[in-house]
C-alpha atoms as a PDB file:
ATOM      1  CA  UNK A   1     -31.237 116.395 110.224  1.00  0.00           C
ATOM      2  CA  UNK A   2     -33.789 116.906 113.149  1.00  0.00           C
ATOM      3  CA  UNK A   3     -33.058 118.338 116.378  1.00  0.00           C
ATOM      4  CA  UNK A   4     -33.136 115.664 119.366  1.00  0.00           C
ATOM      5  CA  UNK A   5     -35.262 117.032 121.812  1.00  0.00           C
ATOM      6  CA  UNK A   6     -35.692 115.545 125.283  1.00  0.00           C
ATOM      7  CA  UNK A   7     -37.812 117.669 127.644  1.00  0.00           C
ATOM      8  CA  UNK A   8     -37.192 115.255 130.439  1.00  0.00           C
ATOM      9  CA  UNK A   9     -33.268 115.015 130.250  1.00  0.00           C
ATOM     10  CA  UNK A  10     -32.501 118.275 130.015  1.00  0.00           C
ATOM     11  CA  UNK A  11     -35.028 119.113 133.453  1.00  0.00           C
ATOM     12  CA  UNK A  12     -33.313 116.093 135.182  1.00  0.00           C
ATOM     13  CA  UNK A  13     -29.603 117.759 134.235  1.00  0.00           C
ATOM     14  CA  UNK A  14     -30.556 121.152 135.844  1.00  0.00           C
ATOM     15  CA  UNK A  15     -32.026 119.720 138.596  1.00  0.00           C
ATOM     16  CA  UNK A  16     -29.217 117.740 139.079  1.00  0.00           C
ATOM     17  CA  UNK A  17     -26.699 120.780 139.675  1.00  0.00           C
ATOM     18  CA  UNK A  18     -29.258 122.449 141.161  1.00  0.00           C
ATOM     19  CA  UNK A  19     -29.328 120.062 144.090  1.00  0.00           C
ATOM     20  CA  UNK A  20     -26.410 118.905 144.355  1.00  0.00           C
ATOM     21  CA  UNK A  21     -24.052 122.142 143.671  1.00  0.00           C
ATOM     22  CA  UNK A  22     -20.692 122.067 142.555  1.00  0.00           C
ATOM     23  CA  UNK A  23     -20.977 118.126 142.420  1.00  0.00           C
ATOM     24  CA  UNK A  24     -22.784 117.539 139.650  1.00  0.00           C
ATOM     25  CA  UNK A  25     -21.734 120.898 137.869  1.00  0.00           C
ATOM     26  CA  UNK A  26     -18.092 119.552 137.832  1.00  0.00           C
ATOM     27  CA  UNK A  27     -19.899 115.783 135.960  1.00  0.00           C
ATOM     28  CA  UNK A  28     -21.983 117.883 133.919  1.00  0.00           C
ATOM     29  CA  UNK A  29     -20.280 121.084 132.864  1.00  0.00           C
ATOM     30  CA  UNK A  30     -17.444 119.253 131.093  1.00  0.00           C
ATOM     31  CA  UNK A  31     -19.588 117.138 128.702  1.00  0.00           C
ATOM     32  CA  UNK A  32     -22.834 120.162 128.407  1.00  0.00           C
ATOM     33  CA  UNK A  33     -22.952 123.345 127.115  1.00  0.00           C
ATOM     34  CA  UNK A  34     -25.728 125.865 126.549  1.00  0.00           C
ATOM     35  CA  UNK A  35     -25.744 124.403 123.162  1.00  0.00           C
ATOM     36  CA  UNK A  36     -26.954 121.056 124.470  1.00  0.00           C
ATOM     37  CA  UNK A  37     -30.305 122.070 125.663  1.00  0.00           C
ATOM     38  CA  UNK A  38     -33.319 122.770 123.020  1.00  0.00           C
ATOM     39  CA  UNK A  39     -35.958 124.347 125.611  1.00  0.00           C
ATOM     40  CA  UNK A  40     -34.701 128.558 125.824  1.00  0.00           C
ATOM     41  CA  UNK A  41     -35.917 128.288 129.370  1.00  0.00           C
ATOM     42  CA  UNK A  42     -33.728 125.727 129.544  1.00  0.00           C
ATOM     43  CA  UNK A  43     -30.726 127.200 128.365  1.00  0.00           C
ATOM     44  CA  UNK A  44     -31.508 129.927 130.041  1.00  0.00           C
ATOM     45  CA  UNK A  45     -31.015 128.422 133.262  1.00  0.00           C
ATOM     46  CA  UNK A  46     -27.558 126.931 131.581  1.00  0.00           C
ATOM     47  CA  UNK A  47     -26.431 130.132 131.103  1.00  0.00           C
ATOM     48  CA  UNK A  48     -27.085 131.580 134.906  1.00  0.00           C
ATOM     49  CA  UNK A  49     -25.387 128.206 136.563  1.00  0.00           C
ATOM     50  CA  UNK A  50     -23.041 128.894 134.645  1.00  0.00           C
ATOM     51  CA  UNK A  51     -22.848 132.355 136.005  1.00  0.00           C
ATOM     52  CA  UNK A  52     -23.424 130.850 139.310  1.00  0.00           C
ATOM     53  CA  UNK A  53     -20.527 128.416 139.154  1.00  0.00           C
ATOM     54  CA  UNK A  54     -17.413 130.868 137.268  1.00  0.00           C
ATOM     55  CA  UNK A  55     -17.874 133.254 140.469  1.00  0.00           C
ATOM     56  CA  UNK A  56     -17.843 130.280 143.156  1.00  0.00           C
ATOM     57  CA  UNK A  57     -16.800 127.029 141.944  1.00  0.00           C
ATOM     58  CA  UNK A  58     -18.366 125.712 145.113  1.00  0.00           C
ATOM     59  CA  UNK A  59     -21.289 127.403 145.290  1.00  0.00           C
ATOM     60  CA  UNK A  60     -24.761 126.270 146.242  1.00  0.00           C
ATOM     61  CA  UNK A  61     -27.730 126.703 144.217  1.00  0.00           C
ATOM     62  CA  UNK A  62     -31.010 128.630 145.154  1.00  0.00           C
ATOM     63  CA  UNK A  63     -33.712 130.299 144.307  1.00  0.00           C
ATOM     64  CA  UNK A  64     -32.326 134.253 145.273  1.00  0.00           C
ATOM     65  CA  UNK A  65     -28.890 132.961 144.150  1.00  0.00           C
ATOM     66  CA  UNK A  66     -30.009 132.067 140.455  1.00  0.00           C
ATOM     67  CA  UNK A  67     -32.336 134.560 139.716  1.00  0.00           C
ATOM     68  CA  UNK A  68     -29.591 137.199 141.103  1.00  0.00           C
ATOM     69  CA  UNK A  69     -27.358 135.730 138.741  1.00  0.00           C
ATOM     70  CA  UNK A  70     -30.156 135.800 135.855  1.00  0.00           C
ATOM     71  CA  UNK A  71     -29.916 139.706 136.837  1.00  0.00           C
ATOM     72  CA  UNK A  72     -26.537 140.335 136.547  1.00  0.00           C
ATOM     73  CA  UNK A  73     -26.247 138.670 133.244  1.00  0.00           C
ATOM     74  CA  UNK A  74     -29.371 140.550 131.948  1.00  0.00           C
ATOM     75  CA  UNK A  75     -31.936 137.383 131.342  1.00  0.00           C
ATOM     76  CA  UNK A  76     -33.896 138.087 134.438  1.00  0.00           C
ATOM     77  CA  UNK A  77     -37.112 139.296 131.808  1.00  0.00           C
ATOM     78  CA  UNK A  78     -36.971 135.562 131.001  1.00  0.00           C
ATOM     79  CA  UNK A  79     -38.397 134.497 134.403  1.00  0.00           C
ATOM     80  CA  UNK A  80     -40.813 137.882 134.683  1.00  0.00           C
ATOM     81  CA  UNK A  81     -43.878 135.242 133.312  1.00  0.00           C
ATOM     82  CA  UNK A  82     -45.824 132.846 135.925  1.00  0.00           C
ATOM     83  CA  UNK A  83     -44.868 130.087 133.464  1.00  0.00           C
ATOM     84  CA  UNK A  84     -41.377 130.458 133.269  1.00  0.00           C
ATOM     85  CA  UNK A  85     -41.303 130.830 137.487  1.00  0.00           C
ATOM     86  CA  UNK A  86     -43.004 127.699 137.664  1.00  0.00           C
ATOM     87  CA  UNK A  87     -40.931 126.119 135.417  1.00  0.00           C
ATOM     88  CA  UNK A  88     -37.820 127.445 137.077  1.00  0.00           C
ATOM     89  CA  UNK A  89     -39.259 125.805 140.600  1.00  0.00           C
ATOM     90  CA  UNK A  90     -39.884 122.669 138.887  1.00  0.00           C
ATOM     91  CA  UNK A  91     -36.617 122.707 137.667  1.00  0.00           C
ATOM     92  CA  UNK A  92     -35.102 123.388 141.439  1.00  0.00           C
ATOM     93  CA  UNK A  93     -37.509 120.488 142.964  1.00  0.00           C
ATOM     94  CA  UNK A  94     -37.180 117.914 140.391  1.00  0.00           C
ATOM     95  CA  UNK A  95     -36.454 114.822 142.315  1.00  0.00           C
ATOM     96  CA  UNK A  96     -32.634 113.321 141.420  1.00  0.00           C
ATOM     97  CA  UNK A  97     -30.330 111.671 142.808  1.00  0.00           C
ATOM     98  CA  UNK A  98     -26.192 112.193 142.196  1.00  0.00           C
ATOM     99  CA  UNK A  99     -25.775 109.348 140.487  1.00  0.00           C
END
């Protein structure tokens, strides 16, 4: 069976959690896991979000917090390239509404 891929949907979910924090996390985390993502960068971002909200369920997600969490999880090297940094910023700035 072929794997379904929807990069735009992945970016929207991640962008929503980054933008709306715990409100979006509480809605998404019951339905979505790292296995839900098909793009490695998005899997890594989700792992970082899991790390952030496991420490503080009411956390606000920003670039320094996400990068600090990536470092703590040993995942920061993935974000070293300019392309990956650009992808992360695009995800964090994705225009989305909580609905």
